[in-house]
């Protein structure tokens, strides 16, 4: 069966609005036309996507699954079409993703000095999203923290960084100079398994309001300083590995050149930061990421 992307987008609009009339307005369609497209889409798929009543429209189990899959499908197609258009115009573009707190600007500057013909875009990753943009075409290469699923990706180790505990200033542990993992036993930890947040700002707001604690890389702590949070070293926390990553099928041309340049640049920077971190004093309570 061939997937009709137009109908998929129509379906996603109805699923988002949970109302055919509002979805039709958002799509600039007449409601009967939208309804016909959705019924045709359900016939093509061989299953019902919505449960309809006179008052509501709800997703069926199949509809919920398709709604989860739809953004990935449309993102992959949109990215592919963008690359086709760029190739037709003779453009070379490199999209570099980076995890929060990691800085890739030095590598980009060095690469651009040697390859001015390649346009560079940057793609800031959400804290819980790592390898997905490399797989769906939103980015060509990423500067990431482990762990993530590296199946099908070429990865190049860069360095390591420590984690610190992020606490509200009112927490009983906030006055200590350092912590151990045992000190955190029984504390509510905010992570992707317990409570997914849409951004680091949201996560830190929850911590500051007393909803839990978090272990964050020290580079993240350095980028998010605020007076109502403290960041304390956790002396027995294992370090976090950083690496460059790119799809194994897409490491030719500009990607290959960027990986080579970025590896040298970022490893040098990571070494400088690790040496500085090893010789630094314990951060003050208001220091921060």
Protein backbone atom coordinates (compact mmCIF):
# COMPACT_ATOMS: atom_id res chain seq x y z
CA UNK A 1 0.00 0.00 0.00
CA UNK A 2 1.26 3.48 -0.88
CA UNK A 3 0.97 5.99 1.96
CA UNK A 4 -0.81 9.20 0.98
CA UNK A 5 1.11 11.92 2.82
CA UNK A 6 -1.61 14.48 2.25
CA UNK A 7 -4.15 12.26 3.97
CA UNK A 8 -1.66 11.57 6.75
CA UNK A 9 -1.39 15.31 7.41
CA UNK A 10 -5.17 15.61 7.35
CA UNK A 11 -5.39 12.76 9.86
CA UNK A 12 -2.80 14.42 12.12
CA UNK A 13 -4.80 17.66 12.12
CA UNK A 14 -8.00 15.88 13.19
CA UNK A 15 -6.07 13.93 15.83
CA UNK A 16 -4.58 17.15 17.18
CA UNK A 17 -7.84 19.10 17.30
CA UNK A 18 -10.08 16.12 18.17
CA UNK A 19 -12.69 17.87 16.07
CA UNK A 20 -13.37 17.72 12.33
CA UNK A 21 -14.68 21.27 12.12
CA UNK A 22 -11.67 22.88 13.82
CA UNK A 23 -9.26 20.68 11.86
CA UNK A 24 -10.98 21.67 8.59
CA UNK A 25 -10.62 25.35 9.48
CA UNK A 26 -6.91 24.89 10.25
CA UNK A 27 -6.43 23.11 6.91
CA UNK A 28 -8.57 25.62 4.97
CA UNK A 29 -10.85 22.80 3.83
CA UNK A 30 -14.59 22.32 3.90
CA UNK A 31 -15.52 19.87 6.65
CA UNK A 32 -17.30 17.40 4.31
CA UNK A 33 -14.18 17.28 2.12
CA UNK A 34 -11.98 16.54 5.14
CA UNK A 35 -14.37 13.84 6.34
CA UNK A 36 -14.28 12.14 2.93
CA UNK A 37 -10.48 12.15 2.92
CA UNK A 38 -10.34 10.59 6.40
CA UNK A 39 -12.88 7.89 5.50
CA UNK A 40 -10.89 7.09 2.34
CA UNK A 41 -7.68 6.94 4.40
CA UNK A 42 -9.26 4.49 6.83
CA UNK A 43 -10.42 2.31 3.93
CA UNK A 44 -6.90 2.32 2.47
CA UNK A 45 -5.39 1.33 5.83
CA UNK A 46 -8.09 -1.23 6.52
CA UNK A 47 -8.82 0.03 10.02
CA UNK A 48 -10.71 2.74 11.88
CA UNK A 49 -8.59 5.63 13.11
CA UNK A 50 -11.26 7.53 15.02
CA UNK A 51 -14.25 6.72 17.17
CA UNK A 52 -16.87 9.29 16.26
CA UNK A 53 -19.85 10.39 18.30
CA UNK A 54 -22.11 13.41 17.99
CA UNK A 55 -20.03 15.19 20.64
CA UNK A 56 -16.45 13.96 20.31
CA UNK A 57 -13.80 12.43 18.11
CA UNK A 58 -11.38 10.04 19.82
CA UNK A 59 -8.46 8.03 18.50
CA UNK A 60 -8.73 4.27 18.26
CA UNK A 61 -5.68 2.18 19.30
CA UNK A 62 -4.63 2.13 15.64
CA UNK A 63 -5.19 5.88 15.44
CA UNK A 64 -3.03 6.51 18.53
CA UNK A 65 -0.23 4.44 17.02
CA UNK A 66 -0.41 6.30 13.71
CA UNK A 67 -0.49 9.64 15.54
CA UNK A 68 2.76 8.64 17.29
CA UNK A 69 4.32 7.59 13.99
CA UNK A 70 3.11 10.51 11.86
CA UNK A 71 5.66 13.16 12.96
CA UNK A 72 8.56 10.83 12.20
CA UNK A 73 7.16 9.97 8.78
CA UNK A 74 6.52 13.57 7.73
CA UNK A 75 9.87 14.74 9.15
CA UNK A 76 11.80 12.15 7.14
CA UNK A 77 9.94 13.06 3.94
CA UNK A 78 10.34 16.82 4.48
CA UNK A 79 14.07 16.42 5.15
CA UNK A 80 14.51 14.29 2.03
CA UNK A 81 12.67 16.82 -0.13
CA UNK A 82 14.81 19.63 1.30
CA UNK A 83 17.98 17.74 0.36
CA UNK A 84 16.66 17.11 -3.16
CA UNK A 85 15.89 20.81 -3.60
CA UNK A 86 19.34 21.79 -2.32
CA UNK A 87 21.00 19.33 -4.71
CA UNK A 88 19.00 20.75 -7.60
CA UNK A 89 20.24 24.25 -6.71
CA UNK A 90 23.81 23.01 -6.37
CA UNK A 91 23.92 23.85 -2.66
CA UNK A 92 25.93 22.05 -0.01
CA UNK A 93 24.46 22.27 3.48
CA UNK A 94 25.57 20.67 6.73
CA UNK A 95 23.27 20.56 9.76
CA UNK A 96 25.10 20.03 13.04
CA UNK A 97 23.11 18.91 16.09
CA UNK A 98 24.40 19.38 19.62
CA UNK A 99 23.28 18.33 23.07
CA UNK A 100 22.55 20.99 25.73
CA UNK A 101 25.72 22.40 27.27
CA UNK A 102 28.02 21.09 24.54
CA UNK A 103 29.64 23.72 22.33
CA UNK A 104 30.49 23.00 18.71
CA UNK A 105 31.21 26.55 17.53
CA UNK A 106 35.01 26.17 17.44
CA UNK A 107 34.70 23.16 15.14
CA UNK A 108 32.24 24.99 12.90
CA UNK A 109 34.54 28.02 12.61
CA UNK A 110 37.51 25.83 11.66
CA UNK A 111 35.43 23.86 9.15
CA UNK A 112 33.97 27.01 7.56
CA UNK A 113 37.43 28.53 7.14
CA UNK A 114 38.43 25.50 5.06
CA UNK A 115 35.08 24.89 3.33
CA UNK A 116 33.39 28.28 2.80
CA UNK A 117 31.21 26.79 0.07
CA UNK A 118 29.28 24.67 2.60
CA UNK A 119 26.41 26.34 4.42
CA UNK A 120 26.16 25.40 8.11
CA UNK A 121 23.02 25.21 10.22
CA UNK A 122 22.94 24.23 13.89
CA UNK A 123 20.25 22.10 15.52
CA UNK A 124 19.93 22.31 19.32
CA UNK A 125 18.74 19.01 20.72
CA UNK A 126 16.18 18.66 23.47
CA UNK A 127 17.76 17.11 26.55
CA UNK A 128 15.89 13.81 26.12
CA UNK A 129 16.46 13.60 22.35
CA UNK A 130 19.80 12.34 21.12
CA UNK A 131 20.11 10.25 17.99
CA UNK A 132 16.62 10.72 16.47
CA UNK A 133 17.50 13.79 14.31
CA UNK A 134 20.41 11.87 12.79
CA UNK A 135 18.06 9.04 11.84
CA UNK A 136 15.18 11.09 10.46
CA UNK A 137 17.30 13.51 8.41
CA UNK A 138 16.96 16.67 10.48
CA UNK A 139 20.73 16.68 11.11
CA UNK A 140 23.78 15.27 9.34
CA UNK A 141 26.13 15.04 12.32
CA UNK A 142 25.76 15.44 16.07
CA UNK A 143 27.87 16.25 19.10
CA UNK A 144 26.19 14.04 21.69
CA UNK A 145 26.42 12.58 25.15
CA UNK A 146 26.06 8.92 25.84
CA UNK A 147 24.04 6.83 26.38
CA UNK A 148 22.03 6.58 23.17
CA UNK A 149 21.31 3.91 20.59
CA UNK A 150 24.30 3.99 18.24
CA UNK A 151 23.12 1.17 15.95
CA UNK A 152 23.63 2.30 12.36
CA UNK A 153 25.69 5.31 13.44
CA UNK A 154 29.38 6.02 13.13
CA UNK A 155 30.59 7.40 16.46
CA UNK A 156 33.88 9.10 17.33
CA UNK A 157 34.76 9.44 21.06
CA UNK A 158 35.60 12.99 22.14
CA UNK A 159 35.92 13.14 25.93
CA UNK A 160 34.22 12.78 29.28
CA UNK A 161 32.52 15.08 31.74
CA UNK A 162 31.32 14.65 35.29
CA UNK A 163 27.80 14.97 36.60
CA UNK A 164 26.64 17.24 39.37
CA UNK A 165 23.50 17.14 41.47
CA UNK A 166 21.03 19.96 40.89
CA UNK A 167 19.04 20.89 44.01
CA UNK A 168 16.85 23.77 45.16
CA UNK A 169 18.65 26.12 47.56
CA UNK A 170 16.11 25.18 50.26
CA UNK A 171 17.01 21.47 50.18
CA UNK A 172 18.62 20.04 53.34
CA UNK A 173 21.61 18.80 51.29
CA UNK A 174 22.21 22.16 49.59
CA UNK A 175 24.76 23.34 52.15
CA UNK A 176 27.15 20.42 51.68
CA UNK A 177 30.33 20.86 49.62
CA UNK A 178 29.97 17.48 47.87
CA UNK A 179 27.60 14.52 47.73
CA UNK A 180 27.75 10.80 47.11
CA UNK A 181 25.20 8.60 45.37
CA UNK A 182 24.18 7.25 48.78
CA UNK A 183 23.20 10.77 49.85
CA UNK A 184 20.63 10.78 47.05
CA UNK A 185 18.99 7.47 47.98
CA UNK A 186 15.28 7.97 48.41
CA UNK A 187 15.30 11.38 46.75
CA UNK A 188 12.91 11.91 43.81
CA UNK A 189 15.10 12.09 40.71
CA UNK A 190 13.77 13.82 37.61
CA UNK A 191 14.95 12.02 34.49
CA UNK A 192 13.51 10.71 31.24
CA UNK A 193 12.24 7.58 32.98
CA UNK A 194 10.34 9.35 35.76
CA UNK A 195 9.17 12.61 34.19
CA UNK A 196 9.89 13.76 30.67
CA UNK A 197 9.98 17.52 30.32
CA UNK A 198 9.93 19.51 27.10
CA UNK A 199 13.03 21.56 27.94
CA UNK A 200 15.81 22.04 30.46
CA UNK A 201 14.17 25.26 31.55
CA UNK A 202 11.04 23.33 32.51
CA UNK A 203 13.13 20.72 34.30
CA UNK A 204 15.04 23.30 36.34
CA UNK A 205 11.81 25.13 37.19
CA UNK A 206 10.42 21.89 38.61
CA UNK A 207 13.59 21.36 40.66
CA UNK A 208 13.55 24.92 41.99
CA UNK A 209 9.93 24.45 43.05
CA UNK A 210 10.80 21.35 45.08
CA UNK A 211 9.47 18.66 42.72
CA UNK A 212 12.69 16.65 42.70
CA UNK A 213 16.44 16.60 42.02
CA UNK A 214 18.48 15.84 38.91
CA UNK A 215 21.94 14.70 37.94
CA UNK A 216 23.18 16.87 35.08
CA UNK A 217 26.48 17.11 33.18
CA UNK A 218 28.73 19.85 34.49
CA UNK A 219 28.63 21.66 31.13
CA UNK A 220 24.85 21.90 31.40
CA UNK A 221 25.23 23.28 34.91
CA UNK A 222 27.58 25.93 33.57
CA UNK A 223 24.99 27.09 31.05
CA UNK A 224 22.04 27.39 33.42
CA UNK A 225 23.00 29.45 36.45
CA UNK A 226 20.16 30.68 38.64
CA UNK A 227 20.09 31.83 42.30
CA UNK A 228 17.42 29.35 43.42
CA UNK A 229 19.45 26.29 42.42
CA UNK A 230 22.73 24.79 43.61
CA UNK A 231 24.98 22.32 41.81
CA UNK A 232 27.06 19.95 43.91
CA UNK A 233 29.69 17.43 42.76
CA UNK A 234 28.70 13.78 43.22
CA UNK A 235 32.05 12.22 43.97
CA UNK A 236 31.20 8.65 42.92
CA UNK A 237 29.03 9.44 39.88
CA UNK A 238 30.44 7.83 36.71
CA UNK A 239 31.59 10.27 34.00
CA UNK A 240 29.52 10.82 30.87
CA UNK A 241 31.12 10.15 27.50
CA UNK A 242 30.81 12.66 24.67
CA UNK A 243 31.15 11.81 20.99
CA UNK A 244 30.50 12.86 17.44
CA UNK A 245 27.95 10.76 15.58
CA UNK A 246 26.69 10.51 12.03
CA UNK A 247 24.68 7.93 10.07
CA UNK A 248 26.93 5.22 8.64
CA UNK A 249 25.25 5.74 5.27
CA UNK A 250 25.88 9.49 5.23
CA UNK A 251 29.52 10.10 6.12
CA UNK A 252 30.78 11.15 2.69
CA UNK A 253 31.62 14.63 1.43
CA UNK A 254 31.13 17.49 3.89
CA UNK A 255 30.19 15.15 6.74
CA UNK A 256 33.46 13.24 6.48
CA UNK A 257 35.47 16.47 6.38
CA UNK A 258 33.55 17.91 9.32
CA UNK A 259 34.06 14.76 11.41
CA UNK A 260 37.82 14.94 10.85
CA UNK A 261 38.07 18.65 11.70
CA UNK A 262 35.64 18.50 14.62
CA UNK A 263 37.33 15.47 16.15
CA UNK A 264 40.66 17.28 16.45
CA UNK A 265 39.11 20.56 17.60
CA UNK A 266 36.66 19.12 20.13
CA UNK A 267 39.14 16.64 21.59
CA UNK A 268 41.55 19.47 22.22
CA UNK A 269 38.81 21.55 23.85
CA UNK A 270 37.57 18.59 25.90
CA UNK A 271 41.11 17.94 27.15
CA UNK A 272 41.50 21.55 28.22
CA UNK A 273 38.15 21.48 30.03
CA UNK A 274 38.91 18.19 31.80
CA UNK A 275 42.27 19.51 33.00
CA UNK A 276 40.65 22.72 34.20
CA UNK A 277 37.91 20.76 35.94
CA UNK A 278 40.41 18.51 37.68
CA UNK A 279 42.28 21.52 39.06
CA UNK A 280 39.25 23.62 39.91
CA UNK A 281 37.95 24.25 43.40
CA UNK A 282 34.55 22.95 44.44
CA UNK A 283 31.96 25.24 42.80
CA UNK A 284 30.12 27.71 45.00
CA UNK A 285 26.48 26.90 45.76
CA UNK A 286 25.18 29.39 43.24
CA UNK A 287 27.39 28.11 40.44
CA UNK A 288 25.52 26.61 37.80
CA UNK A 289 24.05 24.63 35.17
